Amino acid sequence: QVQLVESGGGLVQAGGSLRLSCVGSGRTFSSYSMAWFRQVPGKGREFVLAISWEGFTYSADSVKGRFTIFRDNAKKTVYLQMKRLKPEDTAVYYCAAGTYYRASSDSGRYDYWGQGTQVTVSS
């Protein structure tokens, strides 16, 4: 029933910035923890950033200091602000939501997933 739709992906040069958006349809969006994962061909889904329903955040070391997650509960939207992008950031980025109380890096803690949006960083 819960639907998540990502947008904002595209092509950007290394060092540039992008902002991804994820819009949710759930009536209890404010009670969900939210996260972003990414995946490239031949590799598993990789954790990026998460934010709890109370606003606590947790970041993967690979993006710490470059990426920021934030949410607007009135708009039922979570954002991923990506700065100083690197070619290795190229991936399909997925939005996820769940009722677990922490900002978790474990994909098993999330019940709902978007369809993904492509981010390509050129060198």
C-alpha atoms as a PDB file:
ATOM      1  CA  GLN A   1       0.000   0.000   0.000  1.00  0.00           C
ATOM      2  CA  VAL A   2       2.820   2.415   0.827  1.00  0.00           C
ATOM      3  CA  GLN A   3       4.425   3.832  -2.276  1.00  0.00           C
ATOM      4  CA  LEU A   4       7.751   5.644  -2.490  1.00  0.00           C
ATOM      5  CA  VAL A   5       8.779   7.535  -5.614  1.00  0.00           C
ATOM      6  CA  GLU A   6      12.321   8.826  -6.125  1.00  0.00           C
ATOM      7  CA  SER A   7      13.313  11.658  -8.421  1.00  0.00           C
ATOM      8  CA  GLY A   8      16.207  14.018  -9.053  1.00  0.00           C
ATOM      9  CA  GLY A   9      18.769  11.672 -10.553  1.00  0.00           C
ATOM     10  CA  GLY A  10      20.802  12.561 -13.600  1.00  0.00           C
ATOM     11  CA  LEU A  11      24.240  13.110 -15.074  1.00  0.00           C
ATOM     12  CA  VAL A  12      26.715  15.351 -13.273  1.00  0.00           C
ATOM     13  CA  GLN A  13      30.458  15.974 -13.446  1.00  0.00           C
ATOM     14  CA  ALA A  14      32.733  14.922 -10.611  1.00  0.00           C
ATOM     15  CA  GLY A  15      32.701  17.541  -7.878  1.00  0.00           C
ATOM     16  CA  GLY A  16      29.161  18.583  -8.655  1.00  0.00           C
ATOM     17  CA  SER A  17      25.946  18.284  -6.661  1.00  0.00           C
ATOM     18  CA  LEU A  18      22.513  16.687  -6.944  1.00  0.00           C
ATOM     19  CA  ARG A  19      19.476  16.543  -4.691  1.00  0.00           C
ATOM     20  CA  LEU A  20      17.306  13.441  -4.727  1.00  0.00           C
ATOM     21  CA  SER A  21      13.717  13.426  -3.488  1.00  0.00           C
ATOM     22  CA  CYS A  22      11.525  10.593  -2.244  1.00  0.00           C
ATOM     23  CA  VAL A  23       7.797  11.204  -1.888  1.00  0.00           C
ATOM     24  CA  GLY A  24       5.763   8.785   0.241  1.00  0.00           C
ATOM     25  CA  SER A  25       2.054   8.015   0.147  1.00  0.00           C
ATOM     26  CA  GLY A  26       1.626   6.627   3.682  1.00  0.00           C
ATOM     27  CA  ARG A  27      -0.669   8.360   6.154  1.00  0.00           C
ATOM     28  CA  THR A  28       1.851   7.805   8.985  1.00  0.00           C
ATOM     29  CA  PHE A  29       4.931   9.076   7.163  1.00  0.00           C
ATOM     30  CA  SER A  30       6.163  11.027  10.195  1.00  0.00           C
ATOM     31  CA  SER A  31       6.497   7.811  12.233  1.00  0.00           C
ATOM     32  CA  TYR A  32       8.750   6.068   9.690  1.00  0.00           C
ATOM     33  CA  SER A  33      12.488   5.875   9.679  1.00  0.00           C
ATOM     34  CA  MET A  34      13.781   6.588   6.186  1.00  0.00           C
ATOM     35  CA  ALA A  35      16.944   5.637   4.350  1.00  0.00           C
ATOM     36  CA  TRP A  36      18.784   5.771   1.055  1.00  0.00           C
ATOM     37  CA  PHE A  37      20.597   2.792  -0.460  1.00  0.00           C
ATOM     38  CA  ARG A  38      22.418   2.471  -3.767  1.00  0.00           C
ATOM     39  CA  GLN A  39      23.323  -0.346  -6.123  1.00  0.00           C
ATOM     40  CA  VAL A  40      25.596  -0.838  -9.147  1.00  0.00           C
ATOM     41  CA  PRO A  41      25.686  -3.826 -11.531  1.00  0.00           C
ATOM     42  CA  GLY A  42      27.517  -6.779 -10.030  1.00  0.00           C
ATOM     43  CA  LYS A  43      27.336  -5.489  -6.469  1.00  0.00           C
ATOM     44  CA  GLY A  44      24.888  -5.736  -3.599  1.00  0.00           C
ATOM     45  CA  ARG A  45      22.713  -2.938  -2.362  1.00  0.00           C
ATOM     46  CA  GLU A  46      24.846  -0.519  -0.331  1.00  0.00           C
ATOM     47  CA  PHE A  47      23.691   1.615   2.583  1.00  0.00           C
ATOM     48  CA  VAL A  48      24.114   5.375   2.173  1.00  0.00           C
ATOM     49  CA  LEU A  49      22.213   7.381   4.819  1.00  0.00           C
ATOM     50  CA  ALA A  50      19.285   6.975   7.201  1.00  0.00           C
ATOM     51  CA  ILE A  51      17.126   9.240   9.356  1.00  0.00           C
ATOM     52  CA  SER A  52      14.909   8.104  12.230  1.00  0.00           C
ATOM     53  CA  TRP A  53      11.398   9.323  12.933  1.00  0.00           C
ATOM     54  CA  GLU A  54      12.903  11.596  15.617  1.00  0.00           C
ATOM     55  CA  GLY A  55      15.458  13.076  13.230  1.00  0.00           C
ATOM     56  CA  PHE A  56      18.605  11.188  14.228  1.00  0.00           C
ATOM     57  CA  THR A  57      20.850  10.371  11.276  1.00  0.00           C
ATOM     58  CA  TYR A  58      23.433   7.731  10.442  1.00  0.00           C
ATOM     59  CA  SER A  59      25.822   7.885   7.504  1.00  0.00           C
ATOM     60  CA  ALA A  60      28.007   5.421   5.640  1.00  0.00           C
ATOM     61  CA  ASP A  61      31.697   6.301   5.894  1.00  0.00           C
ATOM     62  CA  SER A  62      31.985   6.564   2.115  1.00  0.00           C
ATOM     63  CA  VAL A  63      29.639   9.566   1.961  1.00  0.00           C
ATOM     64  CA  LYS A  64      30.146  11.165   5.380  1.00  0.00           C
ATOM     65  CA  GLY A  65      30.755  14.884   5.040  1.00  0.00           C
ATOM     66  CA  ARG A  66      29.479  14.933   1.446  1.00  0.00           C
ATOM     67  CA  PHE A  67      25.880  13.679   1.605  1.00  0.00           C
ATOM     68  CA  THR A  68      23.079  14.875   3.877  1.00  0.00           C
ATOM     69  CA  ILE A  69      19.657  13.373   4.528  1.00  0.00           C
ATOM     70  CA  PHE A  70      16.720  15.466   5.690  1.00  0.00           C
ATOM     71  CA  ARG A  71      12.942  15.220   5.697  1.00  0.00           C
ATOM     72  CA  ASP A  72       9.866  17.379   5.346  1.00  0.00           C
ATOM     73  CA  ASN A  73       7.012  15.526   7.023  1.00  0.00           C
ATOM     74  CA  ALA A  74       4.397  18.022   5.851  1.00  0.00           C
ATOM     75  CA  LYS A  75       5.297  17.119   2.267  1.00  0.00           C
ATOM     76  CA  LYS A  76       5.876  13.436   3.097  1.00  0.00           C
ATOM     77  CA  THR A  77       9.268  13.779   1.460  1.00  0.00           C
ATOM     78  CA  VAL A  78      12.810  12.756   2.334  1.00  0.00           C
ATOM     79  CA  TYR A  79      15.777  14.277   0.527  1.00  0.00           C
ATOM     80  CA  LEU A  80      19.342  13.240  -0.186  1.00  0.00           C
ATOM     81  CA  GLN A  81      21.618  16.223  -0.786  1.00  0.00           C
ATOM     82  CA  MET A  82      24.730  15.006  -2.592  1.00  0.00           C
ATOM     83  CA  LYS A  83      27.809  17.237  -2.815  1.00  0.00           C
ATOM     84  CA  ARG A  84      31.333  16.764  -4.154  1.00  0.00           C
ATOM     85  CA  LEU A  85      30.192  13.773  -6.141  1.00  0.00           C
ATOM     86  CA  LYS A  86      32.711  11.177  -7.260  1.00  0.00           C
ATOM     87  CA  PRO A  87      32.572   8.676 -10.146  1.00  0.00           C
ATOM     88  CA  GLU A  88      32.265   5.873  -7.595  1.00  0.00           C
ATOM     89  CA  ASP A  89      28.967   7.415  -6.456  1.00  0.00           C
ATOM     90  CA  THR A  90      27.437   6.330  -9.766  1.00  0.00           C
ATOM     91  CA  ALA A  91      24.562   3.969  -8.957  1.00  0.00           C
ATOM     92  CA  VAL A  92      20.825   3.527  -8.841  1.00  0.00           C
ATOM     93  CA  TYR A  93      19.654   5.166  -5.629  1.00  0.00           C
ATOM     94  CA  TYR A  94      16.717   3.682  -3.716  1.00  0.00           C
ATOM     95  CA  CYS A  95      14.540   5.221  -1.038  1.00  0.00           C
ATOM     96  CA  ALA A  96      13.322   3.002   1.825  1.00  0.00           C
ATOM     97  CA  ALA A  97      10.921   3.362   4.767  1.00  0.00           C
ATOM     98  CA  GLY A  98      10.228   1.328   7.891  1.00  0.00           C
ATOM     99  CA  THR A  99       8.848   1.422  11.429  1.00  0.00           C
ATOM    100  CA  TYR A 100      12.126   0.505  13.167  1.00  0.00           C
ATOM    101  CA  TYR A 101      12.950   3.166  15.735  1.00  0.00           C
ATOM    102  CA  ARG A 102      16.582   3.735  14.758  1.00  0.00           C
ATOM    103  CA  ALA A 103      18.338   5.134  11.721  1.00  0.00           C
ATOM    104  CA  SER A 104      19.569   1.719  10.610  1.00  0.00           C
ATOM    105  CA  SER A 105      22.038   0.617   7.933  1.00  0.00           C
ATOM    106  CA  ASP A 106      20.367  -2.810   7.759  1.00  0.00           C
ATOM    107  CA  SER A 107      18.154  -3.134   4.692  1.00  0.00           C
ATOM    108  CA  GLY A 108      16.071  -5.706   6.579  1.00  0.00           C
ATOM    109  CA  ARG A 109      14.738  -2.963   8.849  1.00  0.00           C
ATOM    110  CA  TYR A 110      12.887  -1.322   5.959  1.00  0.00           C
ATOM    111  CA  ASP A 111       9.533  -2.523   4.684  1.00  0.00           C
ATOM    112  CA  TYR A 112       8.899  -0.250   1.708  1.00  0.00           C
ATOM    113  CA  TRP A 113      11.112   0.578  -1.254  1.00  0.00           C
ATOM    114  CA  GLY A 114      10.993   2.916  -4.200  1.00  0.00           C
ATOM    115  CA  GLN A 115      11.835   2.005  -7.785  1.00  0.00           C
ATOM    116  CA  GLY A 116      15.140   3.868  -7.825  1.00  0.00           C
ATOM    117  CA  THR A 117      16.642   6.815  -9.657  1.00  0.00           C
ATOM    118  CA  GLN A 118      19.883   6.751 -11.658  1.00  0.00           C
ATOM    119  CA  VAL A 119      22.816   8.951 -10.663  1.00  0.00           C
ATOM    120  CA  THR A 120      25.766   9.059 -13.049  1.00  0.00           C
ATOM    121  CA  VAL A 121      28.952  10.961 -12.192  1.00  0.00           C
ATOM    122  CA  SER A 122      31.427  11.584 -14.996  1.00  0.00           C
ATOM    123  CA  SER A 123      35.136  12.055 -14.411  1.00  0.00           C
END
